[in-house]
Structure formats: C-alpha cells, structure tokens
C-alpha cells in the first residue's frame, strides 16, 4: 500500500532540514530518507533569499516613490513569517491567503509576535515563464487588492518570503505588510 506523508514546515525549520519538495512517498511502511543540505547549499539558499527580499522591497519602493508615498522598510521578523508561509504554500500545494495551519495572514503575524494595527498580504505563484521579481510585482499591480496593498500609505514595514521547488521550477512569493 502506498501512502503519502507531509512533513510540517515548522518541524523542518526546527530540524534545519530543507527539502526540494516536502512531499515524499512511503512504500512498504519504510520512512522516507531525508538528507540535510550541505553548509554550502544552505549558505547559497540564504544568499539567494536575502537578495530576493531586497529586490522585492526595492521594486515596491520604486512604485511607492513614483506615487509620492513613503518607502517601506524590510523587517526580518515579518520576513520570517512570510518565509514560513511561502514554504508552507509550496509544501501543502495551496494558493490562498488563509493558511490551513495558521489561518488568515493577520492571525499568523500575531502568532509569531509581530506587532501591528493594520496588515496586508500579497501572494504569487509562478513557474518557468513568470519567475522574475519584476514580473511578480507587475502581476500584483494588475489586481486591485494587491495594488491597494502596495500603495497603502499606512504600511511602513514589509516582509518577503520566497520558496522554490527546484525540480518543477515552481515558485511561491509572499509579501506581508504592516504599519
């Protein structure tokens, strides 16, 4: 009998294990073999994530400055929450604002002790043909609610999450914004 096992993102983050895909097949009740990334792979993944976070923030701020709005500041505590959400979306294969694990974005931010009075979230899913920062941000500008989040003058802080499945070249982007 073949069953499918899902590993929780929180468990993987606590264990330091990273997977290209969080879904693994079990056969004959044998546990899946999970290999940790090498230190060099972890360092490269972290470097790419930090560059992506800076690029998304820069793109958002260019749009805001063009509209005479104040820039948003990239915050590590919000980025941590956005990263957990992006990895969860990829692992659990969903694309909605309400997390089956953490609830709505504001509930998730509170769960991870982010202080705010207003918040918003933009998410994006992309594959081979829509994978650049510019394409993702332009996509957000095409949707009224996402555009309103990007241009909300109450938002002063941003967190950026990005998860990729290197095997399928699927990407999940999450931007959480607060005051």
N, C-alpha and C. Protein backbone atom coordinates (compact mmCIF):
# COMPACT_ATOMS: atom_id res chain seq x y z
N UNK A 1 0.84 -1.17 0.00
CA UNK A 1 0.00 0.00 0.00
C UNK A 1 0.89 1.24 0.00
N UNK A 2 0.56 2.21 -0.83
CA UNK A 2 1.35 3.43 -0.94
C UNK A 2 0.60 4.55 -0.23
N UNK A 3 1.29 5.24 0.66
CA UNK A 3 0.71 6.38 1.34
C UNK A 3 1.60 7.59 1.09
N UNK A 4 1.05 8.77 1.32
CA UNK A 4 1.82 9.99 1.14
C UNK A 4 1.95 10.68 2.48
N UNK A 5 3.14 11.11 2.81
CA UNK A 5 3.39 11.79 4.08
C UNK A 5 3.75 13.23 3.82
N UNK A 6 3.26 14.10 4.68
CA UNK A 6 3.60 15.52 4.61
C UNK A 6 4.33 15.89 5.89
N UNK A 7 5.46 16.53 5.76
CA UNK A 7 6.22 16.98 6.92
C UNK A 7 5.85 18.43 7.18
N UNK A 8 5.65 18.79 8.43
CA UNK A 8 5.26 20.17 8.73
C UNK A 8 6.45 21.09 8.50
N UNK A 9 6.15 22.30 8.04
CA UNK A 9 7.19 23.29 7.80
C UNK A 9 7.89 23.64 9.11
N UNK A 10 7.12 23.77 10.19
CA UNK A 10 7.71 24.11 11.47
C UNK A 10 8.71 23.04 11.91
N UNK A 11 8.34 21.77 11.74
CA UNK A 11 9.25 20.70 12.12
C UNK A 11 10.52 20.74 11.28
N UNK A 12 10.38 21.02 10.00
CA UNK A 12 11.56 21.10 9.14
C UNK A 12 12.43 22.29 9.50
N UNK A 13 11.82 23.42 9.81
CA UNK A 13 12.59 24.60 10.18
C UNK A 13 13.34 24.36 11.48
N UNK A 14 12.68 23.71 12.44
CA UNK A 14 13.33 23.45 13.73
C UNK A 14 14.46 22.44 13.57
N UNK A 15 14.31 21.50 12.66
CA UNK A 15 15.34 20.49 12.49
C UNK A 15 16.46 20.95 11.59
N UNK A 16 16.25 22.05 10.85
CA UNK A 16 17.27 22.55 9.96
C UNK A 16 17.34 21.79 8.65
N UNK A 17 16.38 20.93 8.41
CA UNK A 17 16.38 20.14 7.19
C UNK A 17 15.60 20.89 6.12
N UNK A 18 16.18 21.00 4.94
CA UNK A 18 15.48 21.63 3.83
C UNK A 18 15.28 20.59 2.75
N UNK A 19 14.13 20.65 2.11
CA UNK A 19 13.81 19.70 1.06
C UNK A 19 13.42 20.44 -0.20
N UNK A 20 13.71 19.86 -1.36
CA UNK A 20 13.22 20.43 -2.60
C UNK A 20 11.71 20.30 -2.65
N UNK A 21 11.19 19.22 -2.14
CA UNK A 21 9.74 19.02 -2.04
C UNK A 21 9.46 18.41 -0.68
N UNK A 22 8.45 18.94 0.03
CA UNK A 22 8.12 18.44 1.35
C UNK A 22 7.26 17.19 1.29
N UNK A 23 6.85 16.79 0.11
CA UNK A 23 6.01 15.62 -0.02
C UNK A 23 6.90 14.44 -0.38
N UNK A 24 6.74 13.34 0.30
CA UNK A 24 7.54 12.16 -0.01
C UNK A 24 6.65 10.92 0.06
N UNK A 25 6.98 9.96 -0.76
CA UNK A 25 6.17 8.74 -0.80
C UNK A 25 6.78 7.69 0.12
N UNK A 26 5.92 6.95 0.78
CA UNK A 26 6.35 5.83 1.61
C UNK A 26 5.89 4.54 0.93
N UNK A 27 6.76 3.59 0.89
CA UNK A 27 6.40 2.28 0.35
C UNK A 27 6.77 1.23 1.39
N UNK A 28 5.91 0.26 1.54
CA UNK A 28 6.14 -0.85 2.49
C UNK A 28 6.41 -0.34 3.91
N UNK A 29 5.74 0.76 4.26
CA UNK A 29 5.88 1.35 5.60
C UNK A 29 7.31 1.71 5.97
N UNK A 30 8.17 1.95 4.98
CA UNK A 30 9.53 2.40 5.25
C UNK A 30 9.54 3.92 5.27
N UNK A 31 10.18 4.54 6.26
CA UNK A 31 10.20 6.00 6.31
C UNK A 31 11.01 6.58 5.15
N UNK A 32 10.63 7.77 4.74
CA UNK A 32 11.36 8.46 3.69
C UNK A 32 12.72 8.87 4.22
N UNK A 33 13.72 8.85 3.37
CA UNK A 33 15.06 9.28 3.75
C UNK A 33 15.16 10.77 3.44
N UNK A 34 15.50 11.53 4.45
CA UNK A 34 15.61 12.98 4.30
C UNK A 34 17.07 13.36 4.53
N UNK A 35 17.67 14.01 3.53
CA UNK A 35 19.06 14.42 3.65
C UNK A 35 19.15 15.91 3.90
N UNK A 36 19.89 16.30 4.91
CA UNK A 36 20.06 17.73 5.15
C UNK A 36 20.91 18.35 4.04
N UNK A 37 20.72 19.64 3.82
CA UNK A 37 21.54 20.33 2.83
C UNK A 37 22.93 20.52 3.40
N UNK A 38 23.90 20.60 2.51
CA UNK A 38 25.26 20.87 2.94
C UNK A 38 25.35 22.32 3.41
N UNK A 39 26.35 22.65 4.21
CA UNK A 39 26.51 24.05 4.64
C UNK A 39 26.62 25.01 3.45
N UNK A 40 27.27 24.59 2.39
CA UNK A 40 27.40 25.45 1.20
C UNK A 40 26.04 25.67 0.54
N UNK A 41 25.23 24.61 0.46
CA UNK A 41 23.88 24.74 -0.11
C UNK A 41 23.02 25.65 0.74
N UNK A 42 23.10 25.52 2.06
CA UNK A 42 22.33 26.37 2.96
C UNK A 42 22.75 27.84 2.80
N UNK A 43 24.05 28.06 2.70
CA UNK A 43 24.57 29.42 2.55
C UNK A 43 24.10 30.03 1.23
N UNK A 44 24.13 29.26 0.16
CA UNK A 44 23.68 29.76 -1.14
C UNK A 44 22.19 30.05 -1.13
N UNK A 45 21.39 29.18 -0.52
CA UNK A 45 19.95 29.39 -0.43
C UNK A 45 19.65 30.66 0.36
N UNK A 46 20.36 30.86 1.46
CA UNK A 46 20.16 32.06 2.28
C UNK A 46 20.54 33.31 1.50
N UNK A 47 21.65 33.27 0.77
CA UNK A 47 22.09 34.41 -0.02
C UNK A 47 21.07 34.77 -1.08
N UNK A 48 20.53 33.76 -1.77
CA UNK A 48 19.52 33.99 -2.80
C UNK A 48 18.24 34.57 -2.21
N UNK A 49 17.82 34.06 -1.05
CA UNK A 49 16.62 34.56 -0.39
C UNK A 49 16.80 36.03 0.01
N UNK A 50 17.93 36.36 0.62
CA UNK A 50 18.18 37.74 1.03
C UNK A 50 18.20 38.68 -0.16
N UNK A 51 18.79 38.25 -1.27
CA UNK A 51 18.80 39.08 -2.48
C UNK A 51 17.39 39.27 -3.01
N UNK A 52 16.59 38.21 -3.00
CA UNK A 52 15.20 38.28 -3.46
C UNK A 52 14.39 39.23 -2.58
N UNK A 53 14.59 39.15 -1.28
CA UNK A 53 13.87 40.04 -0.36
C UNK A 53 14.22 41.50 -0.63
N UNK A 54 15.48 41.79 -0.84
CA UNK A 54 15.91 43.16 -1.14
C UNK A 54 15.36 43.63 -2.48
N UNK A 55 15.37 42.75 -3.47
CA UNK A 55 14.87 43.12 -4.81
C UNK A 55 13.38 43.42 -4.79
N UNK A 56 12.61 42.59 -4.09
CA UNK A 56 11.16 42.82 -3.99
C UNK A 56 10.89 44.14 -3.27
N UNK A 57 11.60 44.37 -2.17
CA UNK A 57 11.41 45.61 -1.42
C UNK A 57 11.77 46.82 -2.28
N UNK A 58 12.86 46.74 -3.01
CA UNK A 58 13.26 47.83 -3.90
C UNK A 58 12.19 48.10 -4.95
N UNK A 59 11.65 47.05 -5.55
CA UNK A 59 10.60 47.20 -6.57
C UNK A 59 9.35 47.84 -5.98
N UNK A 60 8.96 47.41 -4.78
CA UNK A 60 7.79 48.01 -4.11
C UNK A 60 8.06 49.49 -3.84
N UNK A 61 9.25 49.80 -3.35
CA UNK A 61 9.56 51.19 -3.02
C UNK A 61 9.64 52.08 -4.26
N UNK A 62 10.08 51.56 -5.37
CA UNK A 62 10.07 52.34 -6.61
C UNK A 62 8.65 52.73 -6.99
N UNK A 63 7.72 51.80 -6.85
CA UNK A 63 6.31 52.07 -7.16
C UNK A 63 5.76 53.11 -6.18
N UNK A 64 6.06 52.93 -4.91
CA UNK A 64 5.55 53.84 -3.89
C UNK A 64 6.11 55.26 -4.08
N UNK A 65 7.40 55.37 -4.35
CA UNK A 65 8.01 56.68 -4.54
C UNK A 65 7.43 57.40 -5.76
N UNK A 66 7.11 56.64 -6.80
CA UNK A 66 6.51 57.23 -8.00
C UNK A 66 5.13 57.83 -7.69
N UNK A 67 4.49 57.35 -6.63
CA UNK A 67 3.18 57.84 -6.20
C UNK A 67 3.29 58.77 -5.00
N UNK A 68 4.51 59.24 -4.71
CA UNK A 68 4.79 60.14 -3.57
C UNK A 68 4.38 59.53 -2.23
N UNK A 69 4.60 58.24 -2.10
CA UNK A 69 4.32 57.52 -0.85
C UNK A 69 5.65 57.19 -0.16
N UNK A 70 5.62 57.08 1.15
CA UNK A 70 6.87 56.73 1.85
C UNK A 70 7.29 55.29 1.53
N UNK A 71 8.58 55.07 1.61
CA UNK A 71 9.12 53.74 1.39
C UNK A 71 8.73 52.82 2.55
N UNK A 72 8.72 51.51 2.28
CA UNK A 72 8.55 50.51 3.32
C UNK A 72 9.93 49.97 3.69
N UNK A 73 10.05 49.54 4.94
CA UNK A 73 11.31 49.01 5.43
C UNK A 73 11.22 47.50 5.54
N UNK A 74 12.19 46.80 5.00
CA UNK A 74 12.25 45.34 5.08
C UNK A 74 12.59 44.95 6.52
N UNK A 75 11.72 44.14 7.12
CA UNK A 75 11.89 43.73 8.51
C UNK A 75 12.08 42.22 8.60
N UNK A 76 13.09 41.80 9.34
CA UNK A 76 13.40 40.37 9.43
C UNK A 76 12.30 39.58 10.14
N UNK A 77 11.65 40.16 11.16
CA UNK A 77 10.62 39.40 11.87
C UNK A 77 9.40 39.15 10.97
N UNK A 78 9.07 40.10 10.11
CA UNK A 78 7.95 39.91 9.19
C UNK A 78 8.37 38.97 8.05
N UNK A 79 9.61 39.11 7.60
CA UNK A 79 10.12 38.21 6.55
C UNK A 79 10.13 36.77 7.02
N UNK A 80 10.42 36.55 8.29
CA UNK A 80 10.42 35.18 8.83
C UNK A 80 9.04 34.56 8.68
N UNK A 81 8.00 35.34 9.00
CA UNK A 81 6.62 34.85 8.89
C UNK A 81 6.27 34.63 7.42
N UNK A 82 6.62 35.58 6.56
CA UNK A 82 6.34 35.44 5.12
C UNK A 82 7.06 34.22 4.55
N UNK A 83 8.27 33.95 5.01
CA UNK A 83 9.02 32.79 4.53
C UNK A 83 8.34 31.49 4.95
N UNK A 84 7.90 31.43 6.19
CA UNK A 84 7.19 30.23 6.66
C UNK A 84 5.95 30.01 5.79
N UNK A 85 5.21 31.08 5.50
CA UNK A 85 4.00 30.98 4.67
C UNK A 85 4.35 30.51 3.26
N UNK A 86 5.39 31.07 2.65
CA UNK A 86 5.77 30.68 1.29
C UNK A 86 6.14 29.20 1.23
N UNK A 87 6.91 28.74 2.20
CA UNK A 87 7.31 27.33 2.23
C UNK A 87 6.11 26.42 2.48
N UNK A 88 5.22 26.88 3.34
CA UNK A 88 4.01 26.10 3.62
C UNK A 88 3.13 25.99 2.37
N UNK A 89 2.97 27.09 1.64
CA UNK A 89 2.16 27.08 0.42
C UNK A 89 2.73 26.08 -0.59
N UNK A 90 4.04 26.07 -0.73
CA UNK A 90 4.68 25.14 -1.65
C UNK A 90 4.50 23.70 -1.17
N UNK A 91 4.75 23.48 0.11
CA UNK A 91 4.68 22.13 0.66
C UNK A 91 3.27 21.55 0.61
N UNK A 92 2.30 22.36 0.96
CA UNK A 92 0.92 21.89 1.04
C UNK A 92 0.15 22.10 -0.26
N UNK A 93 0.81 22.69 -1.23
CA UNK A 93 0.25 22.89 -2.57
C UNK A 93 -1.08 23.65 -2.53
N UNK A 94 -1.05 24.81 -1.89
CA UNK A 94 -2.24 25.66 -1.90
C UNK A 94 -1.84 27.07 -2.32
N UNK A 95 -2.83 27.83 -2.74
CA UNK A 95 -2.60 29.20 -3.19
C UNK A 95 -3.79 30.07 -2.79
N UNK A 96 -3.88 30.33 -1.50
CA UNK A 96 -4.92 31.20 -0.95
C UNK A 96 -4.31 31.94 0.24
N UNK A 97 -4.96 33.01 0.66
CA UNK A 97 -4.44 33.78 1.78
C UNK A 97 -4.63 33.07 3.11
N UNK A 98 -5.68 32.26 3.24
CA UNK A 98 -5.93 31.57 4.50
C UNK A 98 -5.13 30.26 4.55
N UNK A 99 -4.19 30.22 5.47
CA UNK A 99 -3.37 29.04 5.67
C UNK A 99 -4.17 27.97 6.40
N UNK A 100 -4.10 26.72 5.95
CA UNK A 100 -4.78 25.65 6.69
C UNK A 100 -4.14 25.40 8.06
N UNK A 101 -2.92 25.86 8.25
CA UNK A 101 -2.20 25.67 9.51
C UNK A 101 -2.31 26.90 10.41
N UNK A 102 -2.14 28.10 9.84
CA UNK A 102 -2.04 29.33 10.64
C UNK A 102 -3.22 30.28 10.52
N UNK A 103 -4.18 30.00 9.65
CA UNK A 103 -5.31 30.89 9.49
C UNK A 103 -5.00 32.07 8.57
N UNK A 104 -5.69 33.17 8.80
CA UNK A 104 -5.52 34.36 7.97
C UNK A 104 -4.17 35.02 8.25
N UNK A 105 -3.67 35.84 7.31
CA UNK A 105 -2.35 36.46 7.49
C UNK A 105 -2.20 37.23 8.81
N UNK A 106 -3.22 37.99 9.21
CA UNK A 106 -3.10 38.74 10.46
C UNK A 106 -2.99 37.80 11.67
N UNK A 107 -3.69 36.68 11.62
CA UNK A 107 -3.59 35.68 12.70
C UNK A 107 -2.18 35.08 12.74
N UNK A 108 -1.62 34.83 11.58
CA UNK A 108 -0.28 34.26 11.51
C UNK A 108 0.76 35.25 12.03
N UNK A 109 0.63 36.50 11.65
CA UNK A 109 1.56 37.52 12.15
C UNK A 109 1.51 37.61 13.68
N UNK A 110 0.31 37.60 14.23
CA UNK A 110 0.15 37.66 15.70
C UNK A 110 0.75 36.41 16.36
N UNK A 111 0.54 35.26 15.73
CA UNK A 111 1.07 34.01 16.29
C UNK A 111 2.59 34.07 16.43
N UNK A 112 3.23 34.78 15.51
CA UNK A 112 4.69 34.92 15.54
C UNK A 112 5.13 36.25 16.17
N UNK A 113 4.23 36.84 16.97
CA UNK A 113 4.52 38.02 17.80
C UNK A 113 4.92 39.27 17.03
N UNK A 114 4.38 39.45 15.83
CA UNK A 114 4.59 40.70 15.09
C UNK A 114 3.53 41.69 15.57
N UNK A 115 3.96 42.86 15.99
CA UNK A 115 3.05 43.90 16.49
C UNK A 115 2.62 44.80 15.33
N UNK A 116 1.32 45.05 15.21
CA UNK A 116 0.80 45.89 14.14
C UNK A 116 -0.65 46.25 14.45
N UNK A 117 -1.16 47.25 13.74
CA UNK A 117 -2.59 47.57 13.82
C UNK A 117 -3.28 47.31 12.48
N UNK A 118 -2.54 47.41 11.37
CA UNK A 118 -3.08 47.07 10.05
C UNK A 118 -2.06 46.20 9.32
N UNK A 119 -2.58 45.29 8.51
CA UNK A 119 -1.68 44.42 7.76
C UNK A 119 -2.31 44.04 6.43
N UNK A 120 -1.48 43.61 5.52
CA UNK A 120 -1.94 43.13 4.22
C UNK A 120 -0.97 42.08 3.71
N UNK A 121 -1.44 41.30 2.75
CA UNK A 121 -0.61 40.24 2.20
C UNK A 121 -0.84 40.14 0.70
N UNK A 122 0.25 40.02 -0.04
CA UNK A 122 0.19 39.69 -1.46
C UNK A 122 0.89 38.35 -1.64
N UNK A 123 0.28 37.49 -2.45
CA UNK A 123 0.90 36.20 -2.76
C UNK A 123 0.98 36.05 -4.27
N UNK A 124 1.93 35.26 -4.70
CA UNK A 124 2.06 34.98 -6.13
C UNK A 124 2.59 33.57 -6.29
N UNK A 125 2.16 32.94 -7.34
CA UNK A 125 2.65 31.63 -7.72
C UNK A 125 3.16 31.78 -9.14
N UNK A 126 4.29 31.23 -9.41
CA UNK A 126 4.79 31.34 -10.77
C UNK A 126 5.62 30.12 -11.11
N UNK A 127 5.81 29.97 -12.39
CA UNK A 127 6.61 28.86 -12.90
C UNK A 127 7.69 29.39 -13.81
N UNK A 128 8.06 28.60 -14.75
CA UNK A 128 9.16 28.91 -15.65
C UNK A 128 8.99 30.26 -16.34
N UNK A 129 7.78 30.59 -16.76
CA UNK A 129 7.57 31.76 -17.58
C UNK A 129 7.29 33.04 -16.80
N UNK A 130 7.19 32.96 -15.49
CA UNK A 130 6.91 34.15 -14.69
C UNK A 130 7.65 34.04 -13.38
N UNK A 131 8.94 34.24 -13.46
CA UNK A 131 9.73 33.99 -12.27
C UNK A 131 10.59 35.16 -11.83
N UNK A 132 10.56 36.28 -12.52
CA UNK A 132 11.39 37.40 -12.10
C UNK A 132 10.63 38.28 -11.11
N UNK A 133 11.39 39.03 -10.33
CA UNK A 133 10.81 39.96 -9.37
C UNK A 133 9.90 40.94 -10.09
N UNK A 134 10.38 41.49 -11.19
CA UNK A 134 9.60 42.49 -11.93
C UNK A 134 8.27 41.92 -12.41
N UNK A 135 8.28 40.70 -12.93
CA UNK A 135 7.04 40.08 -13.40
C UNK A 135 6.05 39.85 -12.27
N UNK A 136 6.55 39.45 -11.12
CA UNK A 136 5.67 39.21 -9.97
C UNK A 136 5.05 40.52 -9.48
N UNK A 137 5.86 41.55 -9.34
CA UNK A 137 5.35 42.84 -8.86
C UNK A 137 4.38 43.43 -9.88
N UNK A 138 4.68 43.32 -11.16
CA UNK A 138 3.74 43.80 -12.19
C UNK A 138 2.42 43.04 -12.12
N UNK A 139 2.49 41.74 -11.82
CA UNK A 139 1.27 40.96 -11.64
C UNK A 139 0.44 41.48 -10.49
N UNK A 140 1.09 41.86 -9.39
CA UNK A 140 0.35 42.42 -8.26
C UNK A 140 -0.30 43.74 -8.63
N UNK A 141 0.35 44.51 -9.47
CA UNK A 141 -0.22 45.79 -9.88
C UNK A 141 -1.46 45.60 -10.76
N UNK A 142 -1.61 44.45 -11.37
CA UNK A 142 -2.76 44.14 -12.22
C UNK A 142 -4.02 43.77 -11.42
N UNK A 143 -3.87 43.48 -10.14
CA UNK A 143 -5.01 43.10 -9.30
C UNK A 143 -5.29 44.20 -8.28
N UNK A 144 -6.53 44.64 -8.23
CA UNK A 144 -6.92 45.79 -7.42
C UNK A 144 -6.48 45.66 -5.96
N UNK A 145 -6.81 44.57 -5.29
CA UNK A 145 -6.48 44.41 -3.87
C UNK A 145 -4.97 44.39 -3.64
N UNK A 146 -4.24 43.71 -4.51
CA UNK A 146 -2.78 43.66 -4.38
C UNK A 146 -2.17 45.04 -4.59
N UNK A 147 -2.67 45.75 -5.58
CA UNK A 147 -2.18 47.10 -5.86
C UNK A 147 -2.47 48.02 -4.68
N UNK A 148 -3.66 47.89 -4.10
CA UNK A 148 -4.01 48.70 -2.93
C UNK A 148 -3.06 48.43 -1.76
N UNK A 149 -2.67 47.17 -1.58
CA UNK A 149 -1.70 46.85 -0.54
C UNK A 149 -0.37 47.53 -0.81
N UNK A 150 0.12 47.43 -2.03
CA UNK A 150 1.41 48.02 -2.37
C UNK A 150 1.41 49.53 -2.18
N UNK A 151 0.26 50.16 -2.41
CA UNK A 151 0.16 51.62 -2.35
C UNK A 151 -0.49 52.13 -1.06
N UNK A 152 -0.71 51.27 -0.09
CA UNK A 152 -1.35 51.69 1.15
C UNK A 152 -0.38 52.55 1.96
N UNK A 153 -0.72 53.83 2.17
CA UNK A 153 0.21 54.71 2.90
C UNK A 153 0.38 54.33 4.37
N UNK A 154 -0.52 53.52 4.92
CA UNK A 154 -0.40 53.09 6.31
C UNK A 154 0.70 52.04 6.49
N UNK A 155 1.06 51.36 5.43
CA UNK A 155 2.09 50.33 5.54
C UNK A 155 3.47 50.96 5.51
N UNK A 156 4.27 50.63 6.52
CA UNK A 156 5.63 51.16 6.62
C UNK A 156 6.68 50.05 6.70
N UNK A 157 6.22 48.82 6.90
CA UNK A 157 7.13 47.68 7.06
C UNK A 157 6.70 46.56 6.13
N UNK A 158 7.67 45.78 5.68
CA UNK A 158 7.38 44.69 4.77
C UNK A 158 8.23 43.48 5.14
N UNK A 159 7.68 42.31 4.88
CA UNK A 159 8.41 41.06 5.00
C UNK A 159 8.21 40.29 3.71
N UNK A 160 9.25 39.62 3.25
CA UNK A 160 9.19 38.92 1.97
C UNK A 160 9.59 37.47 2.17
N UNK A 161 8.78 36.57 1.62
CA UNK A 161 9.09 35.14 1.63
C UNK A 161 9.11 34.61 0.22
N UNK A 162 9.98 33.64 -0.03
CA UNK A 162 10.11 33.04 -1.35
C UNK A 162 10.48 31.58 -1.19
N UNK A 163 9.72 30.71 -1.85
CA UNK A 163 10.03 29.28 -1.80
C UNK A 163 10.01 28.74 -3.22
N UNK A 164 10.93 27.83 -3.49
CA UNK A 164 11.00 27.26 -4.83
C UNK A 164 11.17 25.76 -4.77
N UNK A 165 10.55 25.11 -5.73
CA UNK A 165 10.74 23.68 -5.93
C UNK A 165 11.64 23.57 -7.15
N UNK A 166 12.90 23.31 -6.88
CA UNK A 166 13.88 23.30 -7.96
C UNK A 166 13.59 22.23 -9.01
N UNK A 167 12.93 21.16 -8.60
CA UNK A 167 12.62 20.08 -9.53
C UNK A 167 11.58 20.48 -10.56
N UNK A 168 10.56 21.23 -10.12
CA UNK A 168 9.48 21.63 -11.03
C UNK A 168 9.58 23.09 -11.46
N UNK A 169 10.50 23.83 -10.84
CA UNK A 169 10.67 25.27 -11.08
C UNK A 169 9.39 26.03 -10.78
N UNK A 170 8.71 25.63 -9.71
CA UNK A 170 7.55 26.37 -9.21
C UNK A 170 8.03 27.28 -8.09
N UNK A 171 7.47 28.48 -8.06
CA UNK A 171 7.87 29.48 -7.08
C UNK A 171 6.65 30.00 -6.35
N UNK A 172 6.79 30.26 -5.08
CA UNK A 172 5.74 30.90 -4.28
C UNK A 172 6.36 32.13 -3.63
N UNK A 173 5.66 33.26 -3.78
CA UNK A 173 6.10 34.53 -3.24
C UNK A 173 5.05 35.00 -2.23
N UNK A 174 5.50 35.54 -1.12
CA UNK A 174 4.60 36.10 -0.11
C UNK A 174 5.20 37.43 0.35
N UNK A 175 4.36 38.47 0.31
CA UNK A 175 4.73 39.77 0.87
C UNK A 175 3.70 40.11 1.93
N UNK A 176 4.19 40.34 3.14
CA UNK A 176 3.31 40.78 4.25
C UNK A 176 3.73 42.20 4.60
N UNK A 177 2.72 43.07 4.72
CA UNK A 177 2.98 44.48 5.01
C UNK A 177 2.22 44.88 6.27
N UNK A 178 2.86 45.73 7.09
CA UNK A 178 2.23 46.22 8.32
C UNK A 178 2.56 47.70 8.53
N UNK A 179 1.93 48.25 9.54
CA UNK A 179 2.25 49.63 9.92
C UNK A 179 3.38 49.64 10.92
